[in-house]
Amino acid sequence: MLNDENAWSDWLDFNKETISKIPQSAGVYMMHTSMKILFISGSEDIKSSIQDKEGDPCISRATRVRYMQTPSYEQITDDLIKDYQDRHDGKLPQCMQTH
């Protein structure tokens, strides 16, 4: 589905079939619903990390997911979150806000 280092996948439907095809490798991912980013994260194993989020009440509302395989996931995740905050008055994506 995705082989290029530092290249995003297309936005994919957030469902069990799609998640089953995501590679078990280091990378970053984003989830959205209605074109609003809900969650940005990175992991040594993006497939397992995304599967773990399926039960989260906020994240389970996501309709789409995209990912990028990269060993630099920690830095890229930090950059993505900072960029999001810069464009949204310092706020985090909805499912990352502490209530």
N, C-alpha and C. Protein backbone atom coordinates (compact mmCIF):
# COMPACT_ATOMS: atom_id res chain seq x y z
N MET A 1 0.82 -1.20 0.00
CA MET A 1 0.00 0.00 0.00
C MET A 1 0.87 1.26 0.00
N LEU A 2 1.95 1.24 0.77
CA LEU A 2 2.82 2.40 0.87
C LEU A 2 4.25 1.93 1.10
N ASN A 3 5.16 2.36 0.27
CA ASN A 3 6.54 1.92 0.41
C ASN A 3 7.52 3.06 0.60
N ASP A 4 7.21 4.23 0.07
CA ASP A 4 8.17 5.33 0.10
C ASP A 4 8.36 5.88 1.50
N GLU A 5 9.62 6.02 1.88
CA GLU A 5 9.98 6.66 3.15
C GLU A 5 9.46 8.10 3.13
N ASN A 6 8.87 8.54 4.21
CA ASN A 6 8.38 9.90 4.36
C ASN A 6 7.33 10.29 3.32
N ALA A 7 6.51 9.33 2.90
CA ALA A 7 5.39 9.62 2.00
C ALA A 7 4.10 9.18 2.70
N TRP A 8 3.12 10.05 2.68
CA TRP A 8 1.84 9.73 3.31
C TRP A 8 1.04 8.77 2.44
N SER A 9 0.30 7.90 3.10
CA SER A 9 -0.70 7.10 2.38
C SER A 9 -1.83 8.04 1.97
N ASP A 10 -2.74 7.56 1.15
CA ASP A 10 -3.97 8.30 0.91
C ASP A 10 -4.78 8.27 2.20
N TRP A 11 -5.80 9.13 2.29
CA TRP A 11 -6.74 9.02 3.40
C TRP A 11 -7.54 7.75 3.17
N LEU A 12 -7.54 6.86 4.15
CA LEU A 12 -8.20 5.57 4.03
C LEU A 12 -9.38 5.50 4.99
N ASP A 13 -10.39 4.69 4.65
CA ASP A 13 -11.51 4.50 5.56
C ASP A 13 -11.00 3.88 6.86
N PHE A 14 -11.48 4.39 7.98
CA PHE A 14 -11.07 3.87 9.29
C PHE A 14 -11.98 2.71 9.65
N ASN A 15 -11.54 1.50 9.30
CA ASN A 15 -12.30 0.30 9.63
C ASN A 15 -11.33 -0.88 9.79
N LYS A 16 -11.83 -2.01 10.26
CA LYS A 16 -10.97 -3.16 10.53
C LYS A 16 -10.24 -3.66 9.29
N GLU A 17 -10.90 -3.63 8.14
CA GLU A 17 -10.26 -4.11 6.91
C GLU A 17 -9.06 -3.24 6.55
N THR A 18 -9.24 -1.93 6.60
CA THR A 18 -8.14 -1.02 6.31
C THR A 18 -7.00 -1.19 7.31
N ILE A 19 -7.35 -1.23 8.59
CA ILE A 19 -6.33 -1.36 9.63
C ILE A 19 -5.54 -2.65 9.45
N SER A 20 -6.19 -3.71 9.01
CA SER A 20 -5.50 -4.99 8.82
C SER A 20 -4.41 -4.89 7.75
N LYS A 21 -4.51 -3.90 6.86
CA LYS A 21 -3.54 -3.75 5.77
C LYS A 21 -2.42 -2.77 6.10
N ILE A 22 -2.53 -2.08 7.23
CA ILE A 22 -1.48 -1.13 7.62
C ILE A 22 -0.27 -1.92 8.11
N PRO A 23 0.92 -1.54 7.70
CA PRO A 23 2.12 -2.30 8.08
C PRO A 23 2.46 -2.17 9.57
N GLN A 24 3.09 -3.21 10.08
CA GLN A 24 3.58 -3.17 11.46
C GLN A 24 4.99 -2.61 11.40
N SER A 25 5.08 -1.28 11.30
CA SER A 25 6.38 -0.63 11.24
C SER A 25 6.30 0.72 11.93
N ALA A 26 7.46 1.31 12.17
CA ALA A 26 7.50 2.62 12.80
C ALA A 26 6.91 3.66 11.86
N GLY A 27 6.20 4.63 12.44
CA GLY A 27 5.63 5.68 11.60
C GLY A 27 4.74 6.62 12.38
N VAL A 28 4.09 7.50 11.64
CA VAL A 28 3.15 8.46 12.21
C VAL A 28 1.80 8.26 11.53
N TYR A 29 0.75 8.72 12.21
CA TYR A 29 -0.59 8.63 11.62
C TYR A 29 -1.47 9.74 12.12
N MET A 30 -2.52 10.03 11.34
CA MET A 30 -3.52 11.04 11.68
C MET A 30 -4.89 10.44 11.43
N MET A 31 -5.86 10.90 12.19
CA MET A 31 -7.24 10.45 12.00
C MET A 31 -8.14 11.69 11.94
N HIS A 32 -9.18 11.62 11.10
CA HIS A 32 -10.10 12.74 11.03
C HIS A 32 -11.54 12.27 10.82
N THR A 33 -12.45 13.18 11.08
CA THR A 33 -13.85 13.01 10.74
C THR A 33 -14.34 14.36 10.25
N SER A 34 -15.14 14.38 9.22
CA SER A 34 -15.68 15.63 8.66
C SER A 34 -14.56 16.65 8.42
N MET A 35 -13.43 16.18 7.93
CA MET A 35 -12.27 17.02 7.61
C MET A 35 -11.68 17.74 8.82
N LYS A 36 -11.97 17.28 10.02
CA LYS A 36 -11.36 17.82 11.23
C LYS A 36 -10.41 16.76 11.79
N ILE A 37 -9.15 17.13 11.97
CA ILE A 37 -8.17 16.21 12.53
C ILE A 37 -8.54 15.94 13.99
N LEU A 38 -8.68 14.67 14.33
CA LEU A 38 -9.01 14.28 15.70
C LEU A 38 -7.78 13.86 16.49
N PHE A 39 -6.79 13.28 15.80
CA PHE A 39 -5.68 12.66 16.53
C PHE A 39 -4.45 12.58 15.64
N ILE A 40 -3.28 12.87 16.22
CA ILE A 40 -1.99 12.74 15.55
C ILE A 40 -1.09 11.98 16.49
N SER A 41 -0.42 10.95 15.99
CA SER A 41 0.47 10.19 16.86
C SER A 41 1.52 9.46 16.03
N GLY A 42 2.47 8.89 16.74
CA GLY A 42 3.50 8.09 16.11
C GLY A 42 3.83 6.91 17.00
N SER A 43 4.45 5.88 16.41
CA SER A 43 4.68 4.66 17.17
C SER A 43 5.74 3.81 16.47
N GLU A 44 6.35 2.91 17.25
CA GLU A 44 7.24 1.89 16.67
C GLU A 44 6.45 0.91 15.81
N ASP A 45 5.15 0.77 16.10
CA ASP A 45 4.28 -0.16 15.38
C ASP A 45 2.94 0.54 15.15
N ILE A 46 2.83 1.21 14.01
CA ILE A 46 1.63 2.02 13.77
C ILE A 46 0.36 1.18 13.68
N LYS A 47 0.46 -0.03 13.16
CA LYS A 47 -0.72 -0.88 13.06
C LYS A 47 -1.30 -1.18 14.45
N SER A 48 -0.45 -1.64 15.37
CA SER A 48 -0.92 -1.95 16.73
C SER A 48 -1.43 -0.70 17.43
N SER A 49 -0.74 0.40 17.23
CA SER A 49 -1.14 1.65 17.87
C SER A 49 -2.53 2.08 17.40
N ILE A 50 -2.78 1.98 16.09
CA ILE A 50 -4.10 2.34 15.55
C ILE A 50 -5.16 1.36 16.05
N GLN A 51 -4.83 0.08 16.09
CA GLN A 51 -5.79 -0.92 16.60
C GLN A 51 -6.15 -0.62 18.05
N ASP A 52 -5.18 -0.20 18.85
CA ASP A 52 -5.43 0.13 20.25
C ASP A 52 -6.38 1.31 20.41
N LYS A 53 -6.43 2.20 19.41
CA LYS A 53 -7.26 3.40 19.50
C LYS A 53 -8.72 3.13 19.11
N GLU A 54 -9.00 1.98 18.50
CA GLU A 54 -10.37 1.70 18.04
C GLU A 54 -11.41 1.80 19.16
N GLY A 55 -11.03 1.45 20.38
CA GLY A 55 -11.97 1.47 21.49
C GLY A 55 -12.11 2.82 22.17
N ASP A 56 -11.28 3.79 21.82
CA ASP A 56 -11.34 5.11 22.44
C ASP A 56 -12.63 5.82 21.99
N PRO A 57 -13.43 6.31 22.94
CA PRO A 57 -14.71 6.91 22.56
C PRO A 57 -14.58 8.10 21.60
N CYS A 58 -13.55 8.90 21.75
CA CYS A 58 -13.36 10.04 20.86
C CYS A 58 -12.83 9.58 19.51
N ILE A 59 -11.77 8.81 19.53
CA ILE A 59 -11.12 8.39 18.29
C ILE A 59 -12.00 7.46 17.47
N SER A 60 -12.87 6.69 18.11
CA SER A 60 -13.73 5.77 17.37
C SER A 60 -14.69 6.52 16.43
N ARG A 61 -14.83 7.84 16.62
CA ARG A 61 -15.67 8.64 15.71
C ARG A 61 -14.95 8.96 14.39
N ALA A 62 -13.64 8.70 14.34
CA ALA A 62 -12.87 8.99 13.12
C ALA A 62 -13.43 8.18 11.95
N THR A 63 -13.42 8.79 10.78
CA THR A 63 -13.90 8.10 9.59
C THR A 63 -12.74 7.77 8.64
N ARG A 64 -11.62 8.48 8.78
CA ARG A 64 -10.50 8.29 7.87
C ARG A 64 -9.19 8.28 8.66
N VAL A 65 -8.20 7.61 8.10
CA VAL A 65 -6.87 7.54 8.70
C VAL A 65 -5.84 7.58 7.58
N ARG A 66 -4.70 8.19 7.84
CA ARG A 66 -3.57 8.11 6.91
C ARG A 66 -2.31 7.93 7.73
N TYR A 67 -1.28 7.40 7.09
CA TYR A 67 -0.06 7.11 7.84
C TYR A 67 1.17 7.30 6.95
N MET A 68 2.31 7.39 7.61
CA MET A 68 3.59 7.49 6.94
C MET A 68 4.57 6.60 7.69
N GLN A 69 5.22 5.70 6.98
CA GLN A 69 6.24 4.86 7.60
C GLN A 69 7.53 5.67 7.70
N THR A 70 8.08 5.75 8.90
CA THR A 70 9.33 6.48 9.11
C THR A 70 9.94 6.10 10.45
N PRO A 71 11.24 5.90 10.50
CA PRO A 71 11.89 5.66 11.78
C PRO A 71 11.99 6.94 12.61
N SER A 72 11.78 8.10 11.99
CA SER A 72 11.85 9.39 12.69
C SER A 72 10.49 9.82 13.21
N TYR A 73 9.67 8.85 13.59
CA TYR A 73 8.28 9.17 13.94
C TYR A 73 8.15 10.14 15.10
N GLU A 74 9.06 10.10 16.08
CA GLU A 74 8.92 11.00 17.24
C GLU A 74 9.06 12.45 16.82
N GLN A 75 10.08 12.76 16.03
CA GLN A 75 10.30 14.13 15.57
C GLN A 75 9.18 14.58 14.64
N ILE A 76 8.77 13.73 13.74
CA ILE A 76 7.72 14.10 12.78
C ILE A 76 6.39 14.31 13.51
N THR A 77 6.09 13.45 14.49
CA THR A 77 4.86 13.63 15.29
C THR A 77 4.89 14.98 15.99
N ASP A 78 6.02 15.31 16.62
CA ASP A 78 6.14 16.61 17.30
C ASP A 78 5.93 17.76 16.32
N ASP A 79 6.55 17.66 15.12
CA ASP A 79 6.41 18.72 14.11
C ASP A 79 4.97 18.86 13.65
N LEU A 80 4.28 17.72 13.43
CA LEU A 80 2.89 17.75 12.99
C LEU A 80 1.99 18.40 14.04
N ILE A 81 2.21 18.06 15.30
CA ILE A 81 1.40 18.63 16.39
C ILE A 81 1.66 20.13 16.50
N LYS A 82 2.93 20.53 16.43
CA LYS A 82 3.26 21.96 16.49
C LYS A 82 2.62 22.71 15.32
N ASP A 83 2.69 22.15 14.12
CA ASP A 83 2.09 22.77 12.95
C ASP A 83 0.57 22.91 13.14
N TYR A 84 -0.06 21.86 13.66
CA TYR A 84 -1.51 21.91 13.92
C TYR A 84 -1.82 23.04 14.91
N GLN A 85 -1.04 23.10 16.00
CA GLN A 85 -1.28 24.13 17.01
C GLN A 85 -1.08 25.54 16.43
N ASP A 86 -0.07 25.69 15.59
CA ASP A 86 0.19 27.00 14.98
C ASP A 86 -1.00 27.46 14.14
N ARG A 87 -1.69 26.51 13.51
CA ARG A 87 -2.83 26.85 12.65
C ARG A 87 -4.16 26.89 13.40
N HIS A 88 -4.18 26.48 14.67
CA HIS A 88 -5.44 26.40 15.43
C HIS A 88 -5.32 27.08 16.79
N ASP A 89 -4.71 28.24 16.83
CA ASP A 89 -4.62 29.05 18.05
C ASP A 89 -4.07 28.28 19.24
N GLY A 90 -3.10 27.43 19.02
CA GLY A 90 -2.46 26.71 20.11
C GLY A 90 -3.20 25.49 20.61
N LYS A 91 -4.36 25.20 20.02
CA LYS A 91 -5.15 24.04 20.47
C LYS A 91 -4.61 22.74 19.87
N LEU A 92 -4.81 21.68 20.61
CA LEU A 92 -4.50 20.33 20.13
C LEU A 92 -5.70 19.76 19.38
N PRO A 93 -5.48 18.74 18.53
CA PRO A 93 -6.63 18.06 17.92
C PRO A 93 -7.61 17.58 19.00
N GLN A 94 -8.88 17.51 18.64
CA GLN A 94 -9.95 17.25 19.59
C GLN A 94 -9.71 16.06 20.51
N CYS A 95 -9.26 14.94 19.97
CA CYS A 95 -9.09 13.73 20.79
C CYS A 95 -7.76 13.71 21.55
N MET A 96 -7.02 14.79 21.48
CA MET A 96 -5.76 14.90 22.21
C MET A 96 -5.86 15.91 23.35
N GLN A 97 -6.98 16.60 23.44
CA GLN A 97 -7.15 17.61 24.49
C GLN A 97 -7.47 16.93 25.81
N THR A 98 -6.86 17.44 26.87
CA THR A 98 -7.21 16.90 28.19
C THR A 98 -8.45 17.62 28.66
N HIS A 99 -9.37 16.84 29.22
CA HIS A 99 -10.67 17.41 29.60
C HIS A 99 -10.68 17.80 31.05
